[in-house]
Amino acid sequence: VDFLRTLSSWLTSGGGSMSIADCIKNTCDAFSYDEFKTLAPRMTKIVEDYRSGQVRFAEALHNANVGFTRQEITVILTAEESNQLRQAVQSMVDAMKMQQEAKRQLAGSLRGPMISGIMLIFMTLGVAYFMLPIVLGPTIEKDADVLFKFPFIIRYFWYFSAWLNENPAAPFIIFATPLTYFLLHITGPAKKTTEKVLMSWSASRRIIIAYNGLLLVYFMPALVRSGMPVYNVLKALSDMINNSEIKTSLMIAANDNEAGVPLSECISKLPMRVSFKNAVSAGEKTGAIAERIEDLKTPYTSEYERLVTRFVGTIKFMVMVVLLPMFIMSMYTSLVAPIFALLEF
């Protein structure tokens, strides 16, 4: 974001009189010193590649591997091909800031419930795996029938404890399963399964659609203003979106629009909010698609924040419903089991 913000300042300084090559050089020079000095060789490579005339700026950024995502490279490349780099970079800065803030907001909000859930699971396993064999073991070894004099919760935990100790690999399997699934999701094999599950759950589906809607209302105006045909705009947006359902819908809409179908009809099947479709339809009729979509930035941002708050509340409720009883049983067992064991012993 800082790189593109600096580049945008150079591109618009002096009324845009400075050449793009000089703007890129000045920007790369600014990111070659002080805390960015480790990036100096990559910045030099970007300048040299672009000035060679054989590589576009977007390709130079991609080759230098300085952290730009595929979506961001796509937008920059599209703007370059349409000779609209000066106009598109500032919109890119706004879109990237929004994207980072949206991800940070969701990740930060989910951190608390996730940590609480993991702590409750560790506490439950600790009571069952380590504490009960020490506290109840000698008493039950002395008289196995005494177990039936204990409350049901303690008996349940004892059976669970015995099963854990008979299967020492069980805790590792319990924790390895979500970790393995996470790795499969990152590498690709489990992505479609995860996406289907999330899109089938209404709470997560709403937030996914809201997030991708934000991406569209921030990135689409910049692409439309670049002067490229609308169907190419839709294809570029399809390359930027990670959700396969929305990606496929955008590509179908692009092909239909290229075949001559009006844009408003093409996007009617997109899994997006009605307000987005209405804005595109109104913009198509008035010739101001970018302006009508930009009007959605503020309400869509507010809606996303509201949905994040609601989604986090749902996750907290699920954690409490599933794990809080386990915590209560663990605390009850850890406090009461020693008393019963001592009395019976």
Protein backbone atom coordinates (compact mmCIF):
# COMPACT_ATOMS: atom_id res chain seq x y z
CA VAL A 1 0.00 0.00 0.00
CA ASP A 2 2.80 2.44 0.90
CA PHE A 3 4.56 1.64 -2.39
CA LEU A 4 1.49 2.38 -4.50
CA ARG A 5 0.61 5.45 -2.42
CA THR A 6 4.09 6.86 -3.10
CA LEU A 7 3.82 5.94 -6.78
CA SER A 8 0.42 7.65 -6.99
CA SER A 9 1.91 10.85 -5.55
CA TRP A 10 4.65 10.87 -8.18
CA LEU A 11 2.22 10.07 -11.01
CA THR A 12 -0.05 13.00 -10.14
CA SER A 13 2.64 15.50 -9.13
CA GLY A 14 3.06 18.46 -11.44
CA GLY A 15 -0.26 17.71 -13.08
CA GLY A 16 1.03 14.37 -14.34
CA SER A 17 3.87 15.89 -16.35
CA MET A 18 6.53 13.43 -15.14
CA SER A 19 7.01 10.31 -17.25
CA ILE A 20 5.84 7.00 -15.82
CA ALA A 21 9.39 5.61 -16.00
CA ASP A 22 10.70 8.47 -13.84
CA CYS A 23 7.80 8.07 -11.41
CA ILE A 24 8.60 4.38 -11.03
CA LYS A 25 12.30 5.14 -10.55
CA ASN A 26 11.64 7.77 -7.87
CA THR A 27 9.27 5.42 -6.06
CA CYS A 28 11.71 2.53 -6.16
CA ASP A 29 14.50 4.82 -4.93
CA ALA A 30 12.36 5.78 -1.94
CA PHE A 31 12.02 2.10 -1.04
CA SER A 32 15.73 1.33 -1.30
CA TYR A 33 17.00 3.01 1.88
CA ASP A 34 16.68 2.91 5.67
CA GLU A 35 14.28 0.15 6.77
CA PHE A 36 13.72 -0.82 3.12
CA LYS A 37 17.39 -1.20 2.21
CA THR A 38 17.05 -4.99 1.94
CA LEU A 39 14.63 -4.37 -0.95
CA ALA A 40 17.16 -2.28 -2.90
CA PRO A 41 18.20 -5.06 -5.34
CA ARG A 42 14.56 -5.84 -6.12
CA MET A 43 13.73 -2.16 -6.60
CA THR A 44 16.66 -1.80 -8.98
CA LYS A 45 15.44 -4.84 -10.91
CA ILE A 46 11.95 -3.31 -11.26
CA VAL A 47 13.38 -0.09 -12.73
CA GLU A 48 15.76 -1.93 -15.07
CA ASP A 49 13.08 -4.34 -16.30
CA TYR A 50 10.60 -1.55 -17.02
CA ARG A 51 13.15 0.68 -18.76
CA SER A 52 14.24 -2.21 -20.95
CA GLY A 53 10.93 -1.84 -22.78
CA GLN A 54 10.42 -5.60 -22.84
CA VAL A 55 8.47 -5.88 -19.58
CA ARG A 56 5.41 -4.06 -18.33
CA PHE A 57 5.40 -2.49 -14.87
CA ALA A 58 2.98 -5.11 -13.51
CA GLU A 59 5.20 -7.91 -14.82
CA ALA A 60 8.26 -6.24 -13.28
CA LEU A 61 6.48 -6.12 -9.91
CA HIS A 62 5.55 -9.79 -10.25
CA ASN A 63 9.08 -10.83 -11.20
CA ALA A 64 10.60 -8.84 -8.32
CA ASN A 65 8.38 -10.69 -5.82
CA VAL A 66 7.93 -7.78 -3.42
CA GLY A 67 4.62 -8.97 -1.98
CA PHE A 68 1.93 -7.93 -4.46
CA THR A 69 -0.92 -10.41 -4.80
CA ARG A 70 -2.15 -11.86 -8.07
CA GLN A 71 -5.28 -9.70 -7.84
CA GLU A 72 -3.30 -6.49 -7.46
CA ILE A 73 -0.96 -7.39 -10.32
CA THR A 74 -4.03 -8.07 -12.49
CA VAL A 75 -5.47 -4.60 -11.86
CA ILE A 76 -2.15 -2.85 -12.51
CA LEU A 77 -1.60 -4.84 -15.72
CA THR A 78 -5.12 -4.04 -16.92
CA ALA A 79 -4.59 -0.33 -16.24
CA GLU A 80 -1.27 -0.40 -18.10
CA GLU A 81 -2.76 -2.10 -21.14
CA SER A 82 -5.40 0.66 -21.29
CA ASN A 83 -2.88 3.48 -20.66
CA GLN A 84 -4.75 4.43 -17.49
CA LEU A 85 -2.05 3.74 -14.89
CA ARG A 86 -2.10 7.31 -13.53
CA GLN A 87 -5.83 7.14 -12.90
CA ALA A 88 -5.94 3.58 -11.58
CA VAL A 89 -3.18 3.61 -8.96
CA GLN A 90 -5.00 5.83 -6.45
CA SER A 91 -8.09 3.63 -6.72
CA MET A 92 -5.80 0.66 -6.15
CA VAL A 93 -4.48 2.27 -2.97
CA ASP A 94 -8.00 2.76 -1.63
CA ALA A 95 -8.98 -0.80 -2.56
CA MET A 96 -5.89 -2.36 -0.99
CA LYS A 97 -6.35 -0.38 2.23
CA MET A 98 -9.94 -1.57 2.39
CA GLN A 99 -8.92 -5.18 1.70
CA GLN A 100 -6.25 -5.17 4.41
CA GLU A 101 -8.56 -3.53 6.92
CA ALA A 102 -11.36 -5.99 6.18
CA LYS A 103 -9.08 -9.00 6.67
CA ARG A 104 -7.53 -7.49 9.80
CA GLN A 105 -10.94 -6.76 11.28
CA LEU A 106 -12.23 -10.30 10.73
CA ALA A 107 -9.03 -11.99 11.91
CA GLY A 108 -8.79 -9.79 15.00
CA SER A 109 -12.42 -10.38 15.92
CA LEU A 110 -12.11 -14.16 15.57
CA ARG A 111 -8.87 -14.37 17.54
CA GLY A 112 -10.59 -14.18 20.94
CA PRO A 113 -13.14 -16.97 20.43
CA MET A 114 -10.53 -19.23 18.83
CA ILE A 115 -8.06 -18.79 21.69
CA SER A 116 -10.83 -19.36 24.25
CA GLY A 117 -11.91 -22.53 22.47
CA ILE A 118 -8.37 -23.93 22.31
CA MET A 119 -7.79 -23.17 26.00
CA LEU A 120 -11.02 -24.95 26.98
CA ILE A 121 -10.05 -28.01 24.93
CA PHE A 122 -6.58 -28.11 26.51
CA MET A 123 -8.09 -27.81 30.00
CA THR A 124 -10.54 -30.64 29.37
CA LEU A 125 -7.84 -32.93 28.00
CA GLY A 126 -5.52 -32.00 30.88
CA VAL A 127 -8.09 -32.95 33.52
CA ALA A 128 -8.93 -36.21 31.75
CA TYR A 129 -5.42 -37.23 30.73
CA PHE A 130 -3.30 -36.22 33.73
CA MET A 131 -5.39 -35.36 36.77
CA LEU A 132 -8.00 -38.12 37.05
CA PRO A 133 -5.55 -41.07 36.88
CA ILE A 134 -3.67 -39.53 39.82
CA VAL A 135 -6.75 -38.57 41.87
CA LEU A 136 -9.15 -41.45 41.18
CA GLY A 137 -6.75 -44.17 40.07
CA PRO A 138 -5.74 -45.50 43.53
CA THR A 139 -9.35 -45.51 44.79
CA ILE A 140 -10.73 -47.38 41.75
CA GLU A 141 -7.85 -49.86 41.80
CA LYS A 142 -8.75 -50.65 45.40
CA ASP A 143 -12.45 -51.16 44.59
CA ALA A 144 -13.72 -50.87 41.00
CA ASP A 145 -17.36 -50.86 42.11
CA VAL A 146 -16.87 -47.60 43.97
CA LEU A 147 -16.98 -45.79 40.62
CA PHE A 148 -20.76 -46.24 40.53
CA LYS A 149 -21.10 -44.26 43.76
CA PHE A 150 -19.64 -41.20 42.04
CA PRO A 151 -21.79 -38.62 40.18
CA PHE A 152 -22.40 -39.28 36.51
CA ILE A 153 -20.11 -36.46 35.38
CA ILE A 154 -17.15 -37.91 37.26
CA ARG A 155 -17.89 -41.40 35.88
CA TYR A 156 -18.07 -39.96 32.37
CA PHE A 157 -14.73 -38.24 32.78
CA TRP A 158 -13.16 -41.38 34.22
CA TYR A 159 -14.22 -43.46 31.19
CA PHE A 160 -12.96 -40.69 28.93
CA SER A 161 -9.70 -40.57 30.90
CA ALA A 162 -9.27 -44.34 30.69
CA TRP A 163 -9.85 -44.24 26.93
CA LEU A 164 -7.28 -41.47 26.49
CA ASN A 165 -4.66 -43.34 28.50
CA GLU A 166 -5.34 -46.56 26.60
CA ASN A 167 -4.93 -44.63 23.35
CA PRO A 168 -2.02 -42.24 23.96
CA ALA A 169 -2.03 -41.16 20.31
CA ALA A 170 -5.63 -39.89 20.58
CA PRO A 171 -4.75 -36.31 21.70
CA PHE A 172 -2.26 -35.99 18.87
CA ILE A 173 -4.87 -37.23 16.38
CA ILE A 174 -7.43 -34.80 17.81
CA PHE A 175 -5.12 -31.83 17.24
CA ALA A 176 -3.50 -33.16 14.06
CA THR A 177 -6.85 -33.55 12.27
CA PRO A 178 -7.70 -29.81 12.05
CA LEU A 179 -4.05 -28.98 11.36
CA THR A 180 -3.91 -31.50 8.51
CA TYR A 181 -7.17 -30.18 7.09
CA PHE A 182 -5.81 -26.63 7.30
CA LEU A 183 -2.69 -27.66 5.37
CA LEU A 184 -4.85 -29.42 2.76
CA HIS A 185 -6.91 -26.24 2.46
CA ILE A 186 -3.82 -24.07 2.00
CA THR A 187 -2.30 -26.40 -0.60
CA GLY A 188 -5.57 -26.82 -2.49
CA PRO A 189 -7.14 -30.32 -2.14
CA ALA A 190 -9.62 -29.27 0.56
CA LYS A 191 -10.41 -25.78 -0.74
CA LYS A 192 -13.57 -26.74 -2.63
CA THR A 193 -14.91 -28.72 0.32
CA THR A 194 -14.27 -25.83 2.70
CA GLU A 195 -15.87 -23.37 0.30
CA LYS A 196 -18.99 -25.52 -0.12
CA VAL A 197 -19.40 -25.82 3.64
CA LEU A 198 -18.93 -22.08 4.21
CA MET A 199 -21.25 -21.14 1.35
CA SER A 200 -23.94 -23.53 2.63
CA TRP A 201 -23.93 -21.92 6.10
CA SER A 202 -25.95 -18.69 5.94
CA ALA A 203 -23.81 -16.78 8.49
CA SER A 204 -20.53 -17.39 6.64
CA ARG A 205 -22.17 -17.05 3.21
CA ARG A 206 -23.37 -13.54 4.05
CA ILE A 207 -19.92 -12.42 5.16
CA ILE A 208 -18.23 -14.00 2.10
CA ILE A 209 -20.62 -12.21 -0.25
CA ALA A 210 -20.19 -8.95 1.68
CA TYR A 211 -16.37 -9.20 1.51
CA ASN A 212 -16.33 -9.98 -2.22
CA GLY A 213 -18.90 -7.24 -2.77
CA LEU A 214 -16.47 -4.82 -1.13
CA LEU A 215 -13.72 -5.98 -3.48
CA LEU A 216 -15.95 -5.39 -6.49
CA VAL A 217 -17.11 -1.89 -5.49
CA TYR A 218 -13.51 -0.82 -4.84
CA PHE A 219 -11.74 -2.47 -7.79
CA MET A 220 -14.40 -2.34 -10.51
CA PRO A 221 -14.58 1.48 -10.87
CA ALA A 222 -10.83 1.65 -11.48
CA LEU A 223 -11.10 -0.99 -14.22
CA VAL A 224 -14.15 0.63 -15.82
CA ARG A 225 -12.40 4.03 -15.92
CA SER A 226 -9.41 2.44 -17.62
CA GLY A 227 -11.49 2.42 -20.80
CA MET A 228 -11.42 -1.34 -21.34
CA PRO A 229 -14.59 -3.13 -22.53
CA VAL A 230 -16.93 -4.12 -19.72
CA TYR A 231 -16.62 -7.83 -20.50
CA ASN A 232 -12.86 -7.54 -20.02
CA VAL A 233 -13.53 -5.77 -16.73
CA LEU A 234 -15.63 -8.74 -15.62
CA LYS A 235 -12.90 -11.17 -16.73
CA ALA A 236 -10.29 -9.21 -14.78
CA LEU A 237 -12.54 -9.23 -11.71
CA SER A 238 -13.01 -12.97 -12.14
CA ASP A 239 -9.23 -13.41 -12.00
CA MET A 240 -9.12 -11.39 -8.78
CA ILE A 241 -11.84 -13.25 -6.86
CA ASN A 242 -10.90 -16.40 -4.97
CA ASN A 243 -14.41 -17.72 -4.32
CA SER A 244 -15.12 -20.21 -7.12
CA GLU A 245 -18.91 -19.61 -7.19
CA ILE A 246 -18.52 -15.85 -7.65
CA LYS A 247 -15.53 -16.34 -9.98
CA THR A 248 -17.51 -18.67 -12.25
CA SER A 249 -20.53 -16.35 -12.25
CA LEU A 250 -18.35 -13.38 -13.25
CA MET A 251 -16.76 -15.34 -16.10
CA ILE A 252 -20.18 -16.45 -17.39
CA ALA A 253 -21.39 -12.83 -17.19
CA ALA A 254 -18.29 -11.69 -19.10
CA ASN A 255 -18.86 -14.22 -21.89
CA ASP A 256 -22.55 -13.28 -22.13
CA ASN A 257 -21.72 -9.56 -22.29
CA GLU A 258 -19.09 -10.20 -24.95
CA ALA A 259 -21.79 -12.01 -26.95
CA GLY A 260 -23.99 -8.90 -26.83
CA VAL A 261 -26.18 -9.49 -23.78
CA PRO A 262 -26.81 -6.27 -21.78
CA LEU A 263 -24.68 -5.96 -18.66
CA SER A 264 -27.69 -5.70 -16.35
CA GLU A 265 -28.91 -9.09 -17.56
CA CYS A 266 -25.45 -10.63 -17.39
CA ILE A 267 -24.96 -9.89 -13.71
CA SER A 268 -28.51 -10.86 -12.68
CA LYS A 269 -27.32 -14.34 -11.69
CA LEU A 270 -24.34 -13.14 -9.67
CA PRO A 271 -24.58 -14.21 -6.00
CA MET A 272 -24.29 -10.57 -4.96
CA ARG A 273 -26.62 -8.13 -3.21
CA VAL A 274 -29.49 -6.57 -5.15
CA SER A 275 -28.11 -3.07 -4.52
CA PHE A 276 -24.97 -3.93 -6.51
CA LYS A 277 -27.02 -5.21 -9.45
CA ASN A 278 -29.26 -2.13 -9.32
CA ALA A 279 -26.23 0.18 -9.28
CA VAL A 280 -24.74 -1.54 -12.33
CA SER A 281 -28.09 -1.41 -14.13
CA ALA A 282 -28.52 2.30 -13.37
CA GLY A 283 -24.94 3.04 -14.37
CA GLU A 284 -25.38 1.19 -17.65
CA LYS A 285 -28.42 3.31 -18.54
CA THR A 286 -26.78 6.62 -17.59
CA GLY A 287 -23.27 5.80 -18.82
CA ALA A 288 -21.83 6.21 -15.32
CA ILE A 289 -21.19 2.66 -14.13
CA ALA A 290 -18.07 3.57 -12.13
CA GLU A 291 -19.81 6.44 -10.32
CA ARG A 292 -22.89 4.39 -9.39
CA ILE A 293 -20.75 1.53 -8.06
CA GLU A 294 -18.56 3.93 -6.08
CA ASP A 295 -21.69 5.17 -4.30
CA LEU A 296 -21.85 1.75 -2.64
CA LYS A 297 -18.46 2.00 -0.92
CA THR A 298 -19.68 3.57 2.32
CA PRO A 299 -22.84 1.45 2.81
CA TYR A 300 -21.02 -1.76 1.87
CA THR A 301 -18.21 -1.00 4.32
CA SER A 302 -20.72 -0.38 7.11
CA GLU A 303 -22.64 -3.54 6.20
CA TYR A 304 -19.44 -5.61 6.24
CA GLU A 305 -18.52 -4.31 9.69
CA ARG A 306 -22.02 -5.15 10.94
CA LEU A 307 -21.85 -8.67 9.49
CA VAL A 308 -18.41 -9.25 11.02
CA THR A 309 -19.77 -8.28 14.44
CA ARG A 310 -22.74 -10.61 14.00
CA PHE A 311 -20.57 -13.47 12.67
CA VAL A 312 -18.14 -13.18 15.57
CA GLY A 313 -21.09 -13.21 17.97
CA THR A 314 -22.32 -16.42 16.33
CA ILE A 315 -18.89 -18.03 16.67
CA LYS A 316 -18.69 -17.00 20.33
CA PHE A 317 -22.12 -18.51 20.94
CA MET A 318 -21.08 -21.78 19.28
CA VAL A 319 -17.89 -21.90 21.35
CA MET A 320 -19.87 -21.34 24.53
CA VAL A 321 -22.57 -23.89 23.65
CA VAL A 322 -20.10 -26.62 22.72
CA LEU A 323 -17.09 -25.96 24.92
CA LEU A 324 -18.50 -24.21 27.99
CA PRO A 325 -20.26 -27.39 29.20
CA MET A 326 -16.93 -29.20 28.82
CA PHE A 327 -15.26 -26.48 30.88
CA ILE A 328 -17.94 -26.69 33.58
CA MET A 329 -17.62 -30.47 33.74
CA SER A 330 -13.84 -30.20 33.88
CA MET A 331 -13.96 -27.70 36.74
CA TYR A 332 -16.61 -29.71 38.58
CA THR A 333 -14.59 -32.90 38.18
CA SER A 334 -11.31 -31.30 39.21
CA LEU A 335 -12.91 -29.85 42.37
CA VAL A 336 -15.28 -32.65 43.43
CA ALA A 337 -13.51 -35.83 42.29
CA PRO A 338 -10.67 -35.51 44.86
CA ILE A 339 -13.25 -35.21 47.67
CA PHE A 340 -15.15 -38.33 46.59
CA ALA A 341 -11.91 -40.22 46.02
CA LEU A 342 -10.60 -39.30 49.47
CA LEU A 343 -13.87 -40.25 51.20
CA GLU A 344 -14.09 -43.62 49.45
CA PHE A 345 -10.40 -44.37 49.91
